[in-house]
Protein backbone atom coordinates (compact mmCIF):
# COMPACT_ATOMS: atom_id res chain seq x y z
CA UNK A 1 0.00 0.00 0.00
CA UNK A 2 1.39 3.39 -1.05
CA UNK A 3 1.63 5.78 1.93
CA UNK A 4 -0.47 8.92 1.63
CA UNK A 5 1.24 12.17 0.76
CA UNK A 6 1.65 14.95 3.31
CA UNK A 7 -0.63 17.90 2.55
CA UNK A 8 0.77 21.42 2.27
CA UNK A 9 -1.23 24.21 3.90
CA UNK A 10 0.95 27.30 3.96
CA UNK A 11 0.46 31.03 3.74
CA UNK A 12 1.59 32.77 0.53
CA UNK A 13 5.02 33.82 1.78
CA UNK A 14 5.59 30.54 3.60
CA UNK A 15 4.97 28.65 0.35
CA UNK A 16 8.23 30.06 -1.01
CA UNK A 17 10.15 27.71 1.31
CA UNK A 18 9.38 24.94 -1.18
CA UNK A 19 11.64 26.55 -3.81
CA UNK A 20 14.97 26.02 -2.00
CA UNK A 21 13.73 22.63 -0.80
CA UNK A 22 13.27 21.51 -4.41
CA UNK A 23 16.61 23.03 -5.38
CA UNK A 24 18.45 20.99 -2.74
CA UNK A 25 16.63 17.81 -3.77
CA UNK A 26 17.50 18.27 -7.44
CA UNK A 27 21.16 19.07 -6.70
CA UNK A 28 21.39 16.01 -4.45
CA UNK A 29 20.28 13.79 -7.32
CA UNK A 30 23.05 15.09 -9.60
CA UNK A 31 26.37 13.26 -9.77
CA UNK A 32 28.31 16.42 -8.92
CA UNK A 33 25.58 18.48 -7.31
CA UNK A 34 26.06 21.50 -5.10
CA UNK A 35 24.78 19.75 -1.99
CA UNK A 36 24.09 16.34 -0.47
CA UNK A 37 20.69 16.49 1.17
CA UNK A 38 18.87 13.17 1.08
CA UNK A 39 16.36 14.54 3.59
CA UNK A 40 15.27 17.13 1.02
CA UNK A 41 14.74 14.38 -1.55
CA UNK A 42 12.63 12.44 0.93
CA UNK A 43 10.50 15.48 1.80
CA UNK A 44 9.86 16.46 -1.84
CA UNK A 45 8.77 12.90 -2.61
CA UNK A 46 6.48 12.91 0.45
CA UNK A 47 4.63 16.17 -0.15
CA UNK A 48 1.29 16.46 -1.92
CA UNK A 49 2.40 19.43 -3.98
CA UNK A 50 2.87 20.17 -7.68
CA UNK A 51 6.53 21.10 -8.03
CA UNK A 52 6.43 20.94 -11.84
CA UNK A 53 6.18 24.72 -12.25
CA UNK A 54 9.70 25.12 -10.85
CA UNK A 55 11.58 22.05 -12.04
CA UNK A 56 13.14 23.82 -15.04
CA UNK A 57 13.82 27.05 -13.15
CA UNK A 58 17.45 28.15 -13.31
CA UNK A 59 16.90 29.96 -10.01
CA UNK A 60 16.93 26.62 -8.19
CA UNK A 61 20.70 26.45 -8.68
CA UNK A 62 21.03 29.95 -7.26
CA UNK A 63 18.91 29.02 -4.24
CA UNK A 64 21.18 26.07 -3.47
CA UNK A 65 24.34 28.11 -4.04
CA UNK A 66 22.95 30.65 -1.58
CA UNK A 67 22.36 27.88 0.96
CA UNK A 68 25.92 26.61 0.60
CA UNK A 69 27.33 30.12 1.03
CA UNK A 70 25.29 30.62 4.20
CA UNK A 71 26.55 27.21 5.32
CA UNK A 72 30.10 28.54 5.00
CA UNK A 73 29.31 31.44 7.33
CA UNK A 74 27.67 29.17 9.90
CA UNK A 75 30.64 26.82 9.73
CA UNK A 76 32.94 29.79 10.35
CA UNK A 77 30.88 30.69 13.42
CA UNK A 78 30.97 27.12 14.75
CA UNK A 79 34.71 26.91 14.14
CA UNK A 80 35.16 29.94 16.39
CA UNK A 81 32.39 29.10 18.87
CA UNK A 82 31.81 25.31 18.80
CA UNK A 83 29.43 25.39 21.77
CA UNK A 84 27.54 28.46 20.54
CA UNK A 85 23.91 28.77 19.49
CA UNK A 86 22.57 28.93 15.94
CA UNK A 87 19.11 30.41 15.37
CA UNK A 88 17.47 29.70 12.00
CA UNK A 89 15.01 32.55 11.42
CA UNK A 90 12.24 31.28 9.15
CA UNK A 91 13.75 27.80 9.06
CA UNK A 92 11.14 26.40 6.68
CA UNK A 93 12.19 22.87 5.73
CA UNK A 94 15.89 23.61 5.86
CA UNK A 95 18.31 20.89 6.93
CA UNK A 96 21.27 22.99 8.04
CA UNK A 97 21.40 21.25 11.42
CA UNK A 98 21.62 17.86 9.72
CA UNK A 99 24.43 19.12 7.47
CA UNK A 100 26.51 21.17 9.91
CA UNK A 101 25.87 20.02 13.48
CA UNK A 102 29.13 19.54 15.39
CA UNK A 103 27.63 17.57 18.32
CA UNK A 104 28.19 20.56 20.62
CA UNK A 105 26.19 23.57 19.44
CA UNK A 106 22.66 24.51 20.45
CA UNK A 107 20.19 25.05 17.64
CA UNK A 108 16.80 26.76 17.37
CA UNK A 109 14.49 26.51 14.35
CA UNK A 110 12.14 29.51 14.38
CA UNK A 111 9.15 29.85 12.09
CA UNK A 112 5.43 30.59 11.92
CA UNK A 113 2.96 28.00 13.26
CA UNK A 114 1.75 26.76 9.85
CA UNK A 115 5.31 26.16 8.70
CA UNK A 116 6.30 24.37 11.89
CA UNK A 117 3.19 22.18 11.67
CA UNK A 118 4.51 20.98 8.32
CA UNK A 119 8.10 20.81 9.56
CA UNK A 120 7.12 18.57 12.46
CA UNK A 121 5.99 15.96 9.93
CA UNK A 122 9.67 15.44 9.11
CA UNK A 123 11.72 16.76 12.04
CA UNK A 124 11.54 16.51 15.81
CA UNK A 125 13.07 18.30 18.77
CA UNK A 126 16.32 16.93 20.14
CA UNK A 127 18.31 17.71 23.29
CA UNK A 128 20.32 20.44 21.54
CA UNK A 129 17.83 21.36 18.80
CA UNK A 130 14.42 22.90 19.43
CA UNK A 131 11.66 24.31 17.23
CA UNK A 132 9.93 27.56 18.20
CA UNK A 133 6.62 28.63 16.66
CA UNK A 134 6.86 32.41 16.46
CA UNK A 135 7.36 35.37 14.16
CA UNK A 136 10.71 37.10 14.03
CA UNK A 137 8.75 40.30 14.72
CA UNK A 138 7.78 39.00 18.16
CA UNK A 139 10.09 39.04 21.18
CA UNK A 140 8.77 36.35 23.54
CA UNK A 141 10.94 33.70 21.90
CA UNK A 142 14.13 35.64 22.67
CA UNK A 143 14.25 34.63 26.34
CA UNK A 144 14.46 30.95 25.37
CA UNK A 145 17.33 31.65 22.99
CA UNK A 146 19.12 33.97 25.44
CA UNK A 147 19.01 31.27 28.12
CA UNK A 148 21.72 29.31 26.28
CA UNK A 149 24.17 32.08 27.17
CA UNK A 150 25.51 32.46 23.63
CA UNK A 151 27.46 33.27 21.62
CA UNK A 152 24.71 33.37 19.00
CA UNK A 153 24.53 33.22 15.25
CA UNK A 154 21.23 34.32 13.66
CA UNK A 155 20.61 33.15 10.11
CA UNK A 156 17.98 34.79 7.92
CA UNK A 157 18.19 33.04 4.55
CA UNK A 158 15.54 34.48 2.21
CA UNK A 159 13.29 35.42 5.14
CA UNK A 160 13.54 39.04 6.23
CA UNK A 161 13.51 40.14 2.59
CA UNK A 162 9.82 39.14 2.55
CA UNK A 163 8.97 41.76 5.18
CA UNK A 164 8.28 45.36 4.34
CA UNK A 165 10.99 47.92 5.10
CA UNK A 166 9.68 48.95 8.51
CA UNK A 167 9.23 45.32 9.61
CA UNK A 168 12.71 44.39 8.38
CA UNK A 169 14.21 47.18 10.43
CA UNK A 170 12.14 46.17 13.47
CA UNK A 171 13.19 42.53 13.23
CA UNK A 172 16.89 43.27 12.88
CA UNK A 173 17.10 46.01 15.53
CA UNK A 174 15.19 43.89 18.07
CA UNK A 175 17.75 41.13 17.71
CA UNK A 176 20.60 43.62 17.89
CA UNK A 177 19.24 45.09 21.12
CA UNK A 178 18.91 41.70 22.85
CA UNK A 179 21.98 39.78 21.66
CA UNK A 180 25.24 41.73 21.90
CA UNK A 181 28.25 40.20 20.16
CA UNK A 182 26.03 37.89 18.08
CA UNK A 183 26.59 37.21 14.39
CA UNK A 184 23.70 38.17 12.15
CA UNK A 185 23.53 36.69 8.65
CA UNK A 186 21.00 37.97 6.15
CA UNK A 187 20.56 38.46 2.44
CA UNK A 188 19.56 41.79 0.89
CA UNK A 189 17.96 42.56 -2.45
CA UNK A 190 18.12 45.66 -4.59
CA UNK A 191 15.10 47.74 -5.56
CA UNK A 192 15.54 46.50 -9.12
CA UNK A 193 15.15 42.90 -7.98
CA UNK A 194 12.08 43.71 -5.90
CA UNK A 195 10.48 45.42 -8.87
CA UNK A 196 11.21 42.65 -11.40
CA UNK A 197 9.67 39.61 -9.71
CA UNK A 198 6.97 39.30 -12.37
CA UNK A 199 9.73 38.09 -14.73
CA UNK A 200 11.60 35.96 -12.18
CA UNK A 201 11.47 32.32 -13.31
CA UNK A 202 10.38 31.07 -9.88
CA UNK A 203 8.51 33.95 -8.24
CA UNK A 204 6.32 34.63 -11.28
CA UNK A 205 4.54 31.33 -10.61
CA UNK A 206 3.36 32.60 -7.22
CA UNK A 207 0.82 35.30 -6.35
CA UNK A 208 2.15 38.79 -5.64
CA UNK A 209 1.40 38.24 -1.95
CA UNK A 210 4.28 35.72 -1.98
CA UNK A 211 6.87 38.12 -3.36
CA UNK A 212 9.64 39.68 -1.30
CA UNK A 213 9.25 43.35 -0.39
CA UNK A 214 12.30 44.75 1.39
CA UNK A 215 14.70 46.55 -0.93
CA UNK A 216 18.19 47.38 0.31
CA UNK A 217 20.58 48.59 -2.36
CA UNK A 218 23.48 48.96 0.07
CA UNK A 219 23.70 46.68 3.15
CA UNK A 220 25.89 49.27 4.85
CA UNK A 221 22.67 51.22 5.41
CA UNK A 222 21.83 48.67 8.13
CA UNK A 223 24.82 49.82 10.18
CA UNK A 224 23.03 53.11 10.69
CA UNK A 225 20.13 51.34 12.40
CA UNK A 226 22.14 50.74 15.53
CA UNK A 227 24.99 48.65 16.86
CA UNK A 228 25.55 46.46 13.79
CA UNK A 229 28.86 46.27 11.95
CA UNK A 230 29.06 44.81 8.44
CA UNK A 231 32.08 42.51 8.29
CA UNK A 232 31.39 40.69 5.02
CA UNK A 233 29.12 41.16 2.01
CA UNK A 234 29.24 38.68 -0.86
CA UNK A 235 27.53 38.10 -4.18
CA UNK A 236 27.42 34.87 -6.16
CA UNK A 237 30.60 36.10 -7.91
CA UNK A 238 32.31 35.52 -4.55
CA UNK A 239 31.20 31.90 -4.15
CA UNK A 240 34.71 30.58 -4.75
CA UNK A 241 36.10 27.89 -7.01
CA UNK A 242 35.04 24.99 -4.79
CA UNK A 243 31.36 25.83 -5.17
CA UNK A 244 31.45 27.24 -8.69
CA UNK A 245 32.88 24.02 -10.12
CA UNK A 246 29.67 22.31 -9.03
CA UNK A 247 27.26 24.68 -10.76
CA UNK A 248 26.16 23.96 -14.36
CA UNK A 249 28.80 24.78 -16.96
CA UNK A 250 26.48 27.32 -18.61
CA UNK A 251 26.44 29.32 -15.38
CA UNK A 252 30.21 29.12 -15.04
CA UNK A 253 30.60 30.29 -18.63
CA UNK A 254 28.42 33.35 -18.13
CA UNK A 255 30.07 34.26 -14.84
CA UNK A 256 33.53 34.03 -16.35
CA UNK A 257 33.07 35.41 -19.85
CA UNK A 258 30.06 37.74 -19.80
CA UNK A 259 30.06 39.36 -16.35
CA UNK A 260 29.12 42.70 -17.91
CA UNK A 261 25.75 41.16 -18.85
CA UNK A 262 24.83 39.90 -15.41
CA UNK A 263 27.06 41.75 -12.95
CA UNK A 264 24.52 44.45 -12.07
CA UNK A 265 21.81 41.85 -11.50
CA UNK A 266 24.00 39.55 -9.43
CA UNK A 267 25.46 42.41 -7.39
CA UNK A 268 21.95 43.49 -6.44
CA UNK A 269 21.62 40.36 -4.32
CA UNK A 270 24.05 40.10 -1.42
CA UNK A 271 24.76 37.70 1.45
CA UNK A 272 25.86 39.70 4.46
CA UNK A 273 27.49 38.98 7.79
CA UNK A 274 27.04 41.51 10.57
CA UNK A 275 28.43 41.48 14.09
CA UNK A 276 26.26 43.03 16.77
CA UNK A 277 28.43 45.26 18.91
CA UNK A 278 27.85 46.18 22.52
CA UNK A 279 25.86 49.34 22.98
CA UNK A 280 28.31 50.49 25.69
C-alpha cells in the first residue's frame, strides 16, 4: 500500500520555502551536485504538492548556491564558537542542522505556526535542537534563545527580505538590542530585484502576496540602524572555485566570460554577515 502524501497548507510567503527545498533535492540527485541532502529528496517525494512549475527554473541552482554560502558562514561561526547557538530565522524545511551540526552547538528553528506544523511531519526536537513557533517580529521567543548564554549566530536566509521595510528594520534592531556580540547573517535585495519579480522564473509562478518586499541597495545602510557592523558582504561572484565548479557549466561560462551582462543583477543580491556590537 502506497503511503499517503503529506498535505501542504501554507500562507503565501511561507509557500516560497518549497523553492529552496526543491533546489536541494534536485542538486542532491546530480552526480556532482552543489549539496548532499537526502532529507530534502525524501521530503519532496512525500509532499502532496505540484513542483512541476519550478523544475526547469534556473533559479533553483542559485537558491542552493545561496544555501551553501550561508553554510560557509555558519561553519565559520561554529569553528570559532563550537558550543555556541545557531538560530534559524524562518527555518522552513531547511536541513542545516543535519548538514553542519558539530555535536556541541545549540540550535533553534524559528518559524510561523503553519510552517512548523509541516516541519514537524519530518523533524523533531532533540536535546540540543528545538523548534519555536513564532514570528521574528515578536520578542517572547528571545528569552528561550538567550538562556543558552551564547554566543549566538542568527541566520535569515531568504526570510527578512519578505517583510516590508519597517518590519525588516524592526526585526533586525530587536535582535541587535537583545543579543550583543552575536553574528547576524541575512541576504539583501536591490530595488531593481524587488520590482522585477513578475519576470523571475520562480517567483512569477506565485501570487504577488508571496513576493519579497524589502529593498536594500546597500547593506551598509543597516549599520546606521544601531549597533551592527558589516564585516562581510558577498555576491554569487564571490562563491569561490570549490562551489562554482559544481554549478552547471552554462552558469560558469556566463560568470567568467560575460560578467558585464549579469554583474549588475547579481550584485543586487548580497549575502551579508554583521556582528552586533555592545551598545556600551
